[in-house]
């Protein structure tokens, strides 16, 4: 299920990565969230950061385009990259050719300096010097069709570190998870994302997809779980979801979850369109475990 996949990825990342680390400072925002099963291109110049992003998004359920396939299309389209931000438009073009749903841009930044020190004791003295580096990572997911930024995550260390390669990998994971955790769900760098707080504890039991129509992109119901509150309330496959508790404008399930958080026992009022008829549906949310998967 959509939210369970997010929780599993997050738990794995923090259990494997937190112990003994200088905790980063991160930030994130979301206008939409990628759907598990959708196709993404991950693009960046740091191989380790790109690889870590691919791994996490795979666990989230996304299908990632292999980089060798990208190179093949570059050659076929005679696209020459400059390895700067000017490449972004070209990558979006490639995304449309390959039928990708989103592009995930991964940007890393480092700046190094020398730190020297000396000491003297009863046995003598010594001097030493080491290179320390300030590191930051910024990641953004962009909708290929619209060109709009869906989600962003940033992460940096509050002080310089002496192992920048390992730091970049860890910051990448932090930035991805911060970007995917909706506003209100992030607790702190130690505890991470509270998914129940972010999305609510309840569901009514349906799945919808974004589909094209003469009126633009619409959120269309494709599955209604048997014996769910949605089925009992009369929601059917093909219904277009127009609003939830007075909130409208969403075109994907990610936007629906962000706009219409449901707690168990809470009543959701959906305005739907079935053919040319507008319908209002009232359903009381239940726990996710009470709805058949």
Protein backbone atom coordinates (compact mmCIF):
# COMPACT_ATOMS: atom_id res chain seq x y z
CA UNK A 1 0.00 0.00 0.00
CA UNK A 2 1.12 3.58 -0.77
CA UNK A 3 1.74 4.74 2.80
CA UNK A 4 3.15 1.43 4.03
CA UNK A 5 5.83 1.56 1.33
CA UNK A 6 6.85 5.02 2.48
CA UNK A 7 7.05 3.89 6.08
CA UNK A 8 9.15 0.83 5.20
CA UNK A 9 11.67 2.89 3.24
CA UNK A 10 11.94 5.44 6.00
CA UNK A 11 12.43 2.85 8.75
CA UNK A 12 15.19 1.07 6.81
CA UNK A 13 17.04 4.32 6.15
CA UNK A 14 17.06 5.52 9.75
CA UNK A 15 17.85 2.18 11.40
CA UNK A 16 20.84 1.64 9.09
CA UNK A 17 22.07 5.20 9.03
CA UNK A 18 21.62 7.14 12.25
CA UNK A 19 23.95 5.58 14.79
CA UNK A 20 27.14 7.49 15.42
CA UNK A 21 26.48 10.23 12.87
CA UNK A 22 26.53 14.00 13.12
CA UNK A 23 22.86 14.68 12.54
CA UNK A 24 22.17 16.77 9.45
CA UNK A 25 19.85 19.73 9.14
CA UNK A 26 17.18 19.08 6.54
CA UNK A 27 14.12 20.66 4.99
CA UNK A 28 11.45 19.62 2.53
CA UNK A 29 8.21 20.54 0.81
CA UNK A 30 5.60 18.73 -1.26
CA UNK A 31 3.09 19.74 -3.92
CA UNK A 32 2.62 16.13 -5.00
CA UNK A 33 4.12 12.73 -4.25
CA UNK A 34 5.26 10.09 -6.75
CA UNK A 35 3.03 7.06 -7.19
CA UNK A 36 4.54 3.62 -6.55
CA UNK A 37 4.83 1.95 -9.94
CA UNK A 38 5.46 5.21 -11.79
CA UNK A 39 8.61 5.69 -13.87
CA UNK A 40 11.35 8.14 -12.88
CA UNK A 41 14.69 9.30 -14.23
CA UNK A 42 17.29 10.11 -11.57
CA UNK A 43 19.82 12.67 -12.78
CA UNK A 44 22.90 14.09 -11.09
CA UNK A 45 26.68 14.31 -11.41
CA UNK A 46 27.69 12.56 -8.18
CA UNK A 47 27.48 8.79 -8.80
CA UNK A 48 27.16 7.91 -5.13
CA UNK A 49 24.32 10.38 -4.54
CA UNK A 50 22.51 9.23 -7.67
CA UNK A 51 22.94 5.59 -6.67
CA UNK A 52 21.59 6.19 -3.16
CA UNK A 53 18.57 8.04 -4.59
CA UNK A 54 17.88 5.21 -7.03
CA UNK A 55 18.05 2.65 -4.22
CA UNK A 56 15.60 4.54 -2.00
CA UNK A 57 13.15 5.26 -4.82
CA UNK A 58 13.28 1.60 -5.85
CA UNK A 59 12.26 0.68 -2.30
CA UNK A 60 9.47 3.21 -2.54
CA UNK A 61 8.18 1.31 -5.58
CA UNK A 62 9.27 3.56 -8.44
CA UNK A 63 10.60 2.19 -11.72
CA UNK A 64 13.94 3.84 -12.55
CA UNK A 65 15.25 4.29 -16.09
CA UNK A 66 18.74 2.80 -16.45
CA UNK A 67 21.44 5.41 -17.15
CA UNK A 68 22.75 3.48 -20.16
CA UNK A 69 19.30 3.85 -21.73
CA UNK A 70 19.51 7.59 -21.17
CA UNK A 71 22.90 7.70 -22.87
CA UNK A 72 21.46 5.81 -25.83
CA UNK A 73 18.67 8.37 -26.24
CA UNK A 74 21.17 11.25 -25.90
CA UNK A 75 23.08 9.82 -28.83
CA UNK A 76 19.96 9.14 -30.88
CA UNK A 77 18.70 12.70 -30.33
CA UNK A 78 22.18 14.19 -30.80
CA UNK A 79 21.95 15.93 -27.42
CA UNK A 80 25.20 17.30 -26.04
CA UNK A 81 25.19 17.98 -22.33
CA UNK A 82 26.99 20.91 -20.69
CA UNK A 83 26.83 19.37 -17.18
CA UNK A 84 25.24 22.50 -15.79
CA UNK A 85 21.72 23.61 -14.92
CA UNK A 86 21.23 24.26 -18.65
CA UNK A 87 20.86 20.48 -19.03
CA UNK A 88 17.59 20.40 -17.07
CA UNK A 89 15.42 21.21 -20.10
CA UNK A 90 17.17 18.51 -22.12
CA UNK A 91 16.59 15.92 -19.39
CA UNK A 92 12.90 16.82 -19.30
CA UNK A 93 12.80 16.36 -23.07
CA UNK A 94 14.34 12.91 -22.71
CA UNK A 95 11.84 12.12 -19.97
CA UNK A 96 8.96 12.77 -22.38
CA UNK A 97 10.57 10.62 -25.08
CA UNK A 98 10.97 7.72 -22.65
CA UNK A 99 7.49 8.12 -21.15
CA UNK A 100 8.81 8.86 -17.66
CA UNK A 101 6.43 10.35 -15.11
CA UNK A 102 9.04 12.37 -13.20
CA UNK A 103 12.66 13.49 -13.17
CA UNK A 104 14.50 13.46 -9.85
CA UNK A 105 17.38 15.94 -9.95
CA UNK A 106 20.18 15.32 -7.43
CA UNK A 107 22.56 18.20 -6.74
CA UNK A 108 25.56 18.06 -4.41
CA UNK A 109 27.76 20.92 -3.25
CA UNK A 110 31.09 20.79 -1.42
CA UNK A 111 33.67 23.34 -0.31
CA UNK A 112 36.95 22.33 1.33
CA UNK A 113 39.48 24.02 3.57
CA UNK A 114 42.54 23.07 5.63
CA UNK A 115 42.42 22.80 9.39
CA UNK A 116 45.71 22.82 11.29
CA UNK A 117 46.55 22.25 14.90
CA UNK A 118 49.49 21.71 17.24
CA UNK A 119 50.08 20.44 20.75
CA UNK A 120 52.90 20.36 23.27
CA UNK A 121 53.26 18.08 26.31
CA UNK A 122 56.02 16.69 28.52
CA UNK A 123 57.06 14.30 25.77
CA UNK A 124 57.37 16.88 23.04
CA UNK A 125 55.00 18.34 20.48
CA UNK A 126 53.53 17.84 17.04
CA UNK A 127 51.53 19.60 14.38
CA UNK A 128 48.91 18.18 12.08
CA UNK A 129 46.76 19.34 9.21
CA UNK A 130 43.65 17.85 7.65
CA UNK A 131 41.17 18.74 4.93
CA UNK A 132 37.62 19.39 6.09
CA UNK A 133 34.63 19.86 3.83
CA UNK A 134 31.23 21.51 4.04
CA UNK A 135 28.67 19.33 2.28
CA UNK A 136 25.06 19.81 1.18
CA UNK A 137 22.60 17.92 -1.01
CA UNK A 138 19.45 19.20 -2.73
CA UNK A 139 16.95 16.93 -4.47
CA UNK A 140 13.78 17.78 -6.35
CA UNK A 141 11.20 15.67 -8.17
CA UNK A 142 9.75 17.30 -11.29
CA UNK A 143 6.61 16.24 -13.15
CA UNK A 144 7.63 15.52 -16.75
CA UNK A 145 4.31 16.50 -18.28
CA UNK A 146 3.81 19.83 -16.52
CA UNK A 147 7.41 20.73 -15.62
CA UNK A 148 6.24 21.57 -12.09
CA UNK A 149 8.27 20.69 -9.01
CA UNK A 150 6.44 17.94 -7.11
CA UNK A 151 8.65 17.66 -4.03
CA UNK A 152 11.99 18.94 -2.75
CA UNK A 153 14.39 17.88 -0.04
CA UNK A 154 17.61 19.47 1.19
CA UNK A 155 20.13 18.37 3.79
CA UNK A 156 23.45 19.66 5.08
CA UNK A 157 25.76 19.20 8.03
CA UNK A 158 25.97 22.02 10.57
CA UNK A 159 29.77 21.78 10.54
CA UNK A 160 32.57 20.71 8.24
CA UNK A 161 33.41 17.00 8.08
CA UNK A 162 36.53 15.06 7.10
CA UNK A 163 34.80 12.27 5.11
CA UNK A 164 32.78 14.08 2.41
CA UNK A 165 32.02 11.01 0.27
CA UNK A 166 30.32 9.16 3.11
CA UNK A 167 28.66 12.41 4.16
CA UNK A 168 27.16 12.96 0.71
CA UNK A 169 25.59 9.48 0.72
CA UNK A 170 24.04 10.01 4.13
CA UNK A 171 22.80 13.51 3.27
CA UNK A 172 21.25 12.16 0.09
CA UNK A 173 19.18 9.69 2.07
CA UNK A 174 18.20 12.41 4.51
CA UNK A 175 17.16 14.77 1.67
CA UNK A 176 15.07 12.11 -0.09
CA UNK A 177 13.19 11.15 3.05
CA UNK A 178 12.70 14.77 4.12
CA UNK A 179 11.34 15.56 0.67
CA UNK A 180 8.87 12.65 0.75
CA UNK A 181 7.62 13.33 4.30
CA UNK A 182 4.64 15.71 4.14
CA UNK A 183 4.48 18.92 6.14
CA UNK A 184 3.47 18.24 9.74
CA UNK A 185 4.80 14.69 9.68
CA UNK A 186 8.48 15.42 10.28
CA UNK A 187 9.40 15.14 13.95
CA UNK A 188 13.16 15.65 14.06
CA UNK A 189 16.36 14.25 12.57
CA UNK A 190 16.49 11.56 15.26
CA UNK A 191 12.91 10.28 14.95
CA UNK A 192 12.16 11.17 11.34
CA UNK A 193 8.68 11.09 9.82
CA UNK A 194 5.48 10.26 11.67
CA UNK A 195 3.39 8.89 8.79
CA UNK A 196 0.18 8.72 10.80
CA UNK A 197 0.51 12.37 11.67
CA UNK A 198 1.40 13.25 8.08
CA UNK A 199 -1.45 11.39 6.35
CA UNK A 200 -3.85 10.58 9.16
CA UNK A 201 -4.76 7.21 10.67
CA UNK A 202 -7.78 6.46 8.50
CA UNK A 203 -8.77 5.55 4.93
CA UNK A 204 -12.09 4.96 3.17
CA UNK A 205 -10.74 2.37 0.73
CA UNK A 206 -10.30 3.43 -2.88
CA UNK A 207 -7.55 4.07 -5.40
CA UNK A 208 -7.60 6.67 -8.15
CA UNK A 209 -5.32 7.68 -11.00
CA UNK A 210 -4.66 10.90 -12.88
CA UNK A 211 -6.20 10.75 -16.36
CA UNK A 212 -6.51 13.21 -19.25
CA UNK A 213 -9.88 14.68 -20.16
CA UNK A 214 -11.16 17.64 -22.21
CA UNK A 215 -11.23 19.54 -18.89
CA UNK A 216 -7.58 18.70 -18.16
CA UNK A 217 -6.09 16.15 -15.76
CA UNK A 218 -8.64 14.58 -13.43
CA UNK A 219 -8.46 12.14 -10.51
CA UNK A 220 -10.48 9.09 -11.59
CA UNK A 221 -11.39 6.18 -9.32
CA UNK A 222 -9.91 2.90 -10.62
CA UNK A 223 -10.45 0.59 -7.62
CA UNK A 224 -12.93 0.47 -4.75
CA UNK A 225 -12.04 -2.02 -2.00
CA UNK A 226 -14.78 -4.59 -1.22
CA UNK A 227 -16.80 -3.85 1.93
CA UNK A 228 -14.93 -0.57 2.43
CA UNK A 229 -16.58 2.67 3.58
CA UNK A 230 -16.11 4.00 0.03
CA UNK A 231 -18.07 1.07 -1.45
CA UNK A 232 -20.77 1.33 1.19
CA UNK A 233 -21.10 5.05 0.49
CA UNK A 234 -21.65 4.38 -3.22
CA UNK A 235 -18.29 5.35 -4.75
CA UNK A 236 -17.74 3.45 -8.01
CA UNK A 237 -15.00 2.92 -10.57
CA UNK A 238 -14.99 5.78 -13.09
CA UNK A 239 -16.10 8.46 -10.63
CA UNK A 240 -14.09 11.68 -10.88
CA UNK A 241 -13.04 13.07 -7.49
CA UNK A 242 -13.67 16.82 -7.52
CA UNK A 243 -13.24 17.76 -3.86
CA UNK A 244 -12.74 16.37 -0.36
CA UNK A 245 -14.08 18.23 2.67
CA UNK A 246 -14.20 21.38 0.58
CA UNK A 247 -10.63 21.11 -0.74
CA UNK A 248 -10.18 20.77 -4.49
CA UNK A 249 -7.59 21.13 -7.24
CA UNK A 250 -5.84 17.77 -6.78
CA UNK A 251 -5.13 15.62 -9.83
CA UNK A 252 -3.22 12.69 -8.29
CA UNK A 253 -3.54 10.42 -5.25
CA UNK A 254 -0.45 12.07 -3.81
CA UNK A 255 -2.15 15.46 -3.92
CA UNK A 256 -5.33 13.91 -2.52
CA UNK A 257 -3.45 12.51 0.49
CA UNK A 258 -1.73 15.85 1.07
CA UNK A 259 -5.00 17.80 0.88
CA UNK A 260 -7.37 15.39 2.59
CA UNK A 261 -5.83 13.84 5.67
CA UNK A 262 -8.24 11.46 7.36
CA UNK A 263 -8.25 10.26 10.94
CA UNK A 264 -9.98 7.00 11.88
CA UNK A 265 -13.60 7.81 12.68
CA UNK A 266 -13.55 11.05 10.70
CA UNK A 267 -16.21 11.61 8.03
CA UNK A 268 -15.01 12.54 4.56
CA UNK A 269 -17.34 14.42 2.23
CA UNK A 270 -16.41 13.79 -1.40
CA UNK A 271 -17.90 15.62 -4.33
CA UNK A 272 -17.70 13.41 -7.40
CA UNK A 273 -18.76 13.49 -11.02
CA UNK A 274 -20.33 10.44 -12.63
CA UNK A 275 -20.93 11.13 -16.29
CA UNK A 276 -22.68 14.51 -16.30
CA UNK A 277 -24.07 14.10 -12.78
CA UNK A 278 -22.54 15.62 -9.65
CA UNK A 279 -22.77 13.45 -6.54
CA UNK A 280 -21.90 14.02 -2.89
CA UNK A 281 -20.61 10.99 -0.99
CA UNK A 282 -20.14 10.73 2.77
CA UNK A 283 -17.88 8.00 4.19
CA UNK A 284 -16.37 7.46 7.64
CA UNK A 285 -12.68 6.53 7.63
CA UNK A 286 -11.49 3.31 9.24
CA UNK A 287 -8.03 2.03 10.12
CA UNK A 288 -5.91 0.97 7.15
CA UNK A 289 -5.73 -2.54 8.55
CA UNK A 290 -9.54 -2.75 8.41
CA UNK A 291 -9.61 -2.24 4.64
CA UNK A 292 -8.81 -5.17 2.34
CA UNK A 293 -5.59 -4.63 0.41
